[in-house]
Amino acid sequence: MIGMLWHWLVWGVIGAVAGWLAGVVMKGSGYGCLGNVVVGMIGSLVGGFVFRLLGIGPGGGFLGSTFTAFIGAVLLIGLVRLLTKEER
């Protein structure tokens, strides 16, 4: 039980860092603390999927996971902006 709680906590921290970095890089106004976590968590899924399709493995651990989530979050924000024609 504690292991699962720890897993979600770490995933949340990685999501927050990746979402914040993606917001900075994409020159947005940000999505707030909770929004950044959500963007980063979804970004980690998107990034993992894209890296697997390309046959790329960024490595494990905190830095590799954060990099994967960051790339996925940037792709996610770009796709949302493209679909909603949002300009920044």
N, C-alpha and C. Protein backbone atom coordinates (compact mmCIF):
# COMPACT_ATOMS: atom_id res chain seq x y z
N MET A 1 0.83 -1.20 0.00
CA MET A 1 0.00 0.00 0.00
C MET A 1 0.87 1.26 0.00
N ILE A 2 1.88 1.28 0.84
CA ILE A 2 2.75 2.46 0.92
C ILE A 2 3.55 2.60 -0.38
N GLY A 3 3.93 1.46 -0.98
CA GLY A 3 4.66 1.51 -2.24
C GLY A 3 3.83 2.15 -3.35
N MET A 4 2.55 1.83 -3.39
CA MET A 4 1.67 2.41 -4.40
C MET A 4 1.48 3.90 -4.16
N LEU A 5 1.34 4.29 -2.91
CA LEU A 5 1.20 5.70 -2.56
C LEU A 5 2.46 6.47 -2.96
N TRP A 6 3.60 5.87 -2.69
CA TRP A 6 4.88 6.49 -3.06
C TRP A 6 4.98 6.65 -4.57
N HIS A 7 4.55 5.64 -5.31
CA HIS A 7 4.57 5.68 -6.77
C HIS A 7 3.75 6.86 -7.28
N TRP A 8 2.55 7.05 -6.77
CA TRP A 8 1.69 8.15 -7.20
C TRP A 8 2.27 9.51 -6.81
N LEU A 9 2.89 9.57 -5.66
CA LEU A 9 3.51 10.83 -5.22
C LEU A 9 4.66 11.22 -6.15
N VAL A 10 5.51 10.26 -6.47
CA VAL A 10 6.64 10.53 -7.37
C VAL A 10 6.13 10.90 -8.76
N TRP A 11 5.11 10.19 -9.23
CA TRP A 11 4.54 10.49 -10.54
C TRP A 11 3.95 11.90 -10.55
N GLY A 12 3.35 12.31 -9.46
CA GLY A 12 2.82 13.67 -9.34
C GLY A 12 3.92 14.72 -9.37
N VAL A 13 5.02 14.46 -8.68
CA VAL A 13 6.14 15.40 -8.68
C VAL A 13 6.75 15.50 -10.08
N ILE A 14 6.94 14.37 -10.73
CA ILE A 14 7.47 14.37 -12.10
C ILE A 14 6.51 15.12 -13.02
N GLY A 15 5.22 14.88 -12.85
CA GLY A 15 4.23 15.58 -13.66
C GLY A 15 4.26 17.08 -13.44
N ALA A 16 4.42 17.49 -12.19
CA ALA A 16 4.46 18.93 -11.88
C ALA A 16 5.68 19.59 -12.52
N VAL A 17 6.82 18.95 -12.39
CA VAL A 17 8.05 19.51 -12.96
C VAL A 17 7.96 19.55 -14.48
N ALA A 18 7.53 18.45 -15.08
CA ALA A 18 7.43 18.39 -16.55
C ALA A 18 6.39 19.36 -17.08
N GLY A 19 5.24 19.46 -16.42
CA GLY A 19 4.20 20.39 -16.85
C GLY A 19 4.64 21.83 -16.74
N TRP A 20 5.34 22.16 -15.67
CA TRP A 20 5.83 23.52 -15.50
C TRP A 20 6.87 23.86 -16.57
N LEU A 21 7.82 22.94 -16.79
CA LEU A 21 8.85 23.17 -17.82
C LEU A 21 8.23 23.31 -19.20
N ALA A 22 7.25 22.48 -19.51
CA ALA A 22 6.59 22.56 -20.81
C ALA A 22 5.86 23.89 -20.95
N GLY A 23 5.23 24.37 -19.89
CA GLY A 23 4.56 25.66 -19.93
C GLY A 23 5.54 26.80 -20.17
N VAL A 24 6.72 26.71 -19.57
CA VAL A 24 7.75 27.73 -19.77
C VAL A 24 8.26 27.71 -21.21
N VAL A 25 8.55 26.52 -21.72
CA VAL A 25 9.08 26.39 -23.07
C VAL A 25 8.05 26.80 -24.12
N MET A 26 6.81 26.46 -23.88
CA MET A 26 5.75 26.77 -24.85
C MET A 26 5.24 28.20 -24.69
N LYS A 27 5.85 28.97 -23.83
CA LYS A 27 5.54 30.39 -23.62
C LYS A 27 4.07 30.64 -23.30
N GLY A 28 3.52 29.78 -22.46
CA GLY A 28 2.13 29.96 -22.07
C GLY A 28 2.04 30.66 -20.73
N SER A 29 0.82 30.96 -20.34
CA SER A 29 0.62 31.59 -19.04
C SER A 29 0.60 30.56 -17.92
N GLY A 30 0.72 29.29 -18.27
CA GLY A 30 0.71 28.23 -17.28
C GLY A 30 -0.71 27.76 -17.04
N TYR A 31 -0.81 26.65 -16.36
CA TYR A 31 -2.11 26.04 -16.10
C TYR A 31 -2.38 25.92 -14.61
N GLY A 32 -1.57 26.57 -13.81
CA GLY A 32 -1.71 26.45 -12.36
C GLY A 32 -1.05 25.18 -11.88
N CYS A 33 -0.94 25.04 -10.60
CA CYS A 33 -0.23 23.90 -10.01
C CYS A 33 -0.88 22.58 -10.40
N LEU A 34 -2.17 22.47 -10.18
CA LEU A 34 -2.87 21.21 -10.50
C LEU A 34 -2.88 20.96 -12.01
N GLY A 35 -3.08 22.01 -12.79
CA GLY A 35 -3.06 21.86 -14.25
C GLY A 35 -1.72 21.39 -14.76
N ASN A 36 -0.64 21.92 -14.20
CA ASN A 36 0.70 21.48 -14.59
C ASN A 36 0.92 20.01 -14.28
N VAL A 37 0.44 19.57 -13.12
CA VAL A 37 0.57 18.16 -12.75
C VAL A 37 -0.17 17.29 -13.76
N VAL A 38 -1.39 17.68 -14.09
CA VAL A 38 -2.20 16.90 -15.04
C VAL A 38 -1.54 16.88 -16.41
N VAL A 39 -1.10 18.04 -16.89
CA VAL A 39 -0.43 18.10 -18.21
C VAL A 39 0.82 17.23 -18.19
N GLY A 40 1.59 17.30 -17.12
CA GLY A 40 2.80 16.48 -17.02
C GLY A 40 2.52 14.99 -16.94
N MET A 41 1.48 14.62 -16.22
CA MET A 41 1.13 13.19 -16.11
C MET A 41 0.64 12.64 -17.45
N ILE A 42 -0.23 13.38 -18.11
CA ILE A 42 -0.68 12.95 -19.44
C ILE A 42 0.50 12.99 -20.40
N GLY A 43 1.36 14.00 -20.25
CA GLY A 43 2.55 14.10 -21.08
C GLY A 43 3.48 12.90 -20.91
N SER A 44 3.55 12.37 -19.71
CA SER A 44 4.40 11.19 -19.51
C SER A 44 3.88 10.00 -20.30
N LEU A 45 2.57 9.87 -20.39
CA LEU A 45 1.98 8.79 -21.19
C LEU A 45 2.24 9.03 -22.68
N VAL A 46 2.03 10.27 -23.12
CA VAL A 46 2.26 10.62 -24.53
C VAL A 46 3.73 10.44 -24.89
N GLY A 47 4.62 10.95 -24.04
CA GLY A 47 6.05 10.83 -24.30
C GLY A 47 6.51 9.39 -24.34
N GLY A 48 6.03 8.59 -23.40
CA GLY A 48 6.39 7.17 -23.40
C GLY A 48 5.92 6.47 -24.66
N PHE A 49 4.71 6.78 -25.11
CA PHE A 49 4.16 6.19 -26.33
C PHE A 49 4.99 6.59 -27.54
N VAL A 50 5.30 7.88 -27.65
CA VAL A 50 6.08 8.37 -28.79
C VAL A 50 7.49 7.79 -28.80
N PHE A 51 8.13 7.76 -27.64
CA PHE A 51 9.48 7.20 -27.58
C PHE A 51 9.50 5.72 -27.93
N ARG A 52 8.48 4.98 -27.49
CA ARG A 52 8.40 3.56 -27.84
C ARG A 52 8.20 3.39 -29.35
N LEU A 53 7.36 4.24 -29.96
CA LEU A 53 7.16 4.17 -31.41
C LEU A 53 8.46 4.42 -32.17
N LEU A 54 9.26 5.35 -31.66
CA LEU A 54 10.53 5.69 -32.32
C LEU A 54 11.67 4.76 -31.93
N GLY A 55 11.44 3.87 -30.98
CA GLY A 55 12.48 2.96 -30.53
C GLY A 55 13.54 3.63 -29.68
N ILE A 56 13.16 4.73 -29.02
CA ILE A 56 14.09 5.49 -28.20
C ILE A 56 13.81 5.20 -26.73
N GLY A 57 14.87 5.01 -25.97
CA GLY A 57 14.74 4.81 -24.54
C GLY A 57 15.54 5.88 -23.80
N PRO A 58 14.88 6.89 -23.22
CA PRO A 58 15.61 7.97 -22.56
C PRO A 58 16.27 7.55 -21.25
N GLY A 59 16.07 6.35 -20.83
CA GLY A 59 16.64 5.90 -19.56
C GLY A 59 15.61 5.99 -18.46
N GLY A 60 15.91 5.34 -17.37
CA GLY A 60 14.98 5.33 -16.25
C GLY A 60 15.36 6.36 -15.22
N GLY A 61 14.76 6.24 -14.09
CA GLY A 61 15.04 7.15 -13.00
C GLY A 61 14.28 8.44 -13.13
N PHE A 62 14.55 9.34 -12.20
CA PHE A 62 13.82 10.60 -12.13
C PHE A 62 14.07 11.46 -13.36
N LEU A 63 15.33 11.61 -13.78
CA LEU A 63 15.65 12.48 -14.91
C LEU A 63 15.10 11.94 -16.22
N GLY A 64 15.25 10.65 -16.47
CA GLY A 64 14.71 10.06 -17.69
C GLY A 64 13.20 10.16 -17.75
N SER A 65 12.55 9.91 -16.63
CA SER A 65 11.09 10.00 -16.57
C SER A 65 10.62 11.44 -16.74
N THR A 66 11.34 12.37 -16.13
CA THR A 66 10.97 13.78 -16.26
C THR A 66 11.17 14.25 -17.70
N PHE A 67 12.25 13.83 -18.34
CA PHE A 67 12.49 14.19 -19.74
C PHE A 67 11.39 13.64 -20.64
N THR A 68 11.02 12.39 -20.43
CA THR A 68 9.95 11.77 -21.22
C THR A 68 8.64 12.52 -21.02
N ALA A 69 8.31 12.84 -19.77
CA ALA A 69 7.07 13.56 -19.48
C ALA A 69 7.11 14.97 -20.06
N PHE A 70 8.26 15.62 -20.00
CA PHE A 70 8.42 16.96 -20.55
C PHE A 70 8.17 16.98 -22.06
N ILE A 71 8.81 16.06 -22.78
CA ILE A 71 8.63 15.99 -24.23
C ILE A 71 7.17 15.70 -24.56
N GLY A 72 6.57 14.78 -23.84
CA GLY A 72 5.16 14.46 -24.06
C GLY A 72 4.25 15.64 -23.76
N ALA A 73 4.56 16.40 -22.70
CA ALA A 73 3.75 17.56 -22.34
C ALA A 73 3.87 18.66 -23.40
N VAL A 74 5.07 18.86 -23.94
CA VAL A 74 5.25 19.84 -25.01
C VAL A 74 4.43 19.42 -26.24
N LEU A 75 4.49 18.15 -26.59
CA LEU A 75 3.70 17.65 -27.72
C LEU A 75 2.20 17.81 -27.45
N LEU A 76 1.78 17.52 -26.23
CA LEU A 76 0.37 17.64 -25.86
C LEU A 76 -0.10 19.09 -25.96
N ILE A 77 0.66 20.02 -25.41
CA ILE A 77 0.29 21.44 -25.46
C ILE A 77 0.25 21.91 -26.92
N GLY A 78 1.24 21.50 -27.71
CA GLY A 78 1.26 21.88 -29.12
C GLY A 78 0.06 21.34 -29.87
N LEU A 79 -0.32 20.10 -29.60
CA LEU A 79 -1.47 19.50 -30.26
C LEU A 79 -2.77 20.20 -29.85
N VAL A 80 -2.91 20.49 -28.57
CA VAL A 80 -4.11 21.19 -28.10
C VAL A 80 -4.21 22.57 -28.74
N ARG A 81 -3.10 23.27 -28.82
CA ARG A 81 -3.10 24.60 -29.44
C ARG A 81 -3.44 24.50 -30.93
N LEU A 82 -2.93 23.48 -31.58
CA LEU A 82 -3.22 23.28 -33.00
C LEU A 82 -4.70 23.00 -33.22
N LEU A 83 -5.27 22.15 -32.39
CA LEU A 83 -6.68 21.77 -32.54
C LEU A 83 -7.64 22.88 -32.14
N THR A 84 -7.24 23.71 -31.17
CA THR A 84 -8.13 24.77 -30.72
C THR A 84 -7.79 26.12 -31.33
N LYS A 85 -6.76 26.12 -32.17
CA LYS A 85 -6.28 27.34 -32.83
C LYS A 85 -5.95 28.43 -31.81
N GLU A 86 -5.45 27.99 -30.67
CA GLU A 86 -5.05 28.92 -29.60
C GLU A 86 -3.70 29.51 -29.97
N GLU A 87 -3.58 30.82 -29.88
CA GLU A 87 -2.32 31.49 -30.18
C GLU A 87 -1.69 31.99 -28.91
N ARG A 88 -0.39 31.85 -28.82
CA ARG A 88 0.36 32.35 -27.65
C ARG A 88 1.56 33.08 -28.14
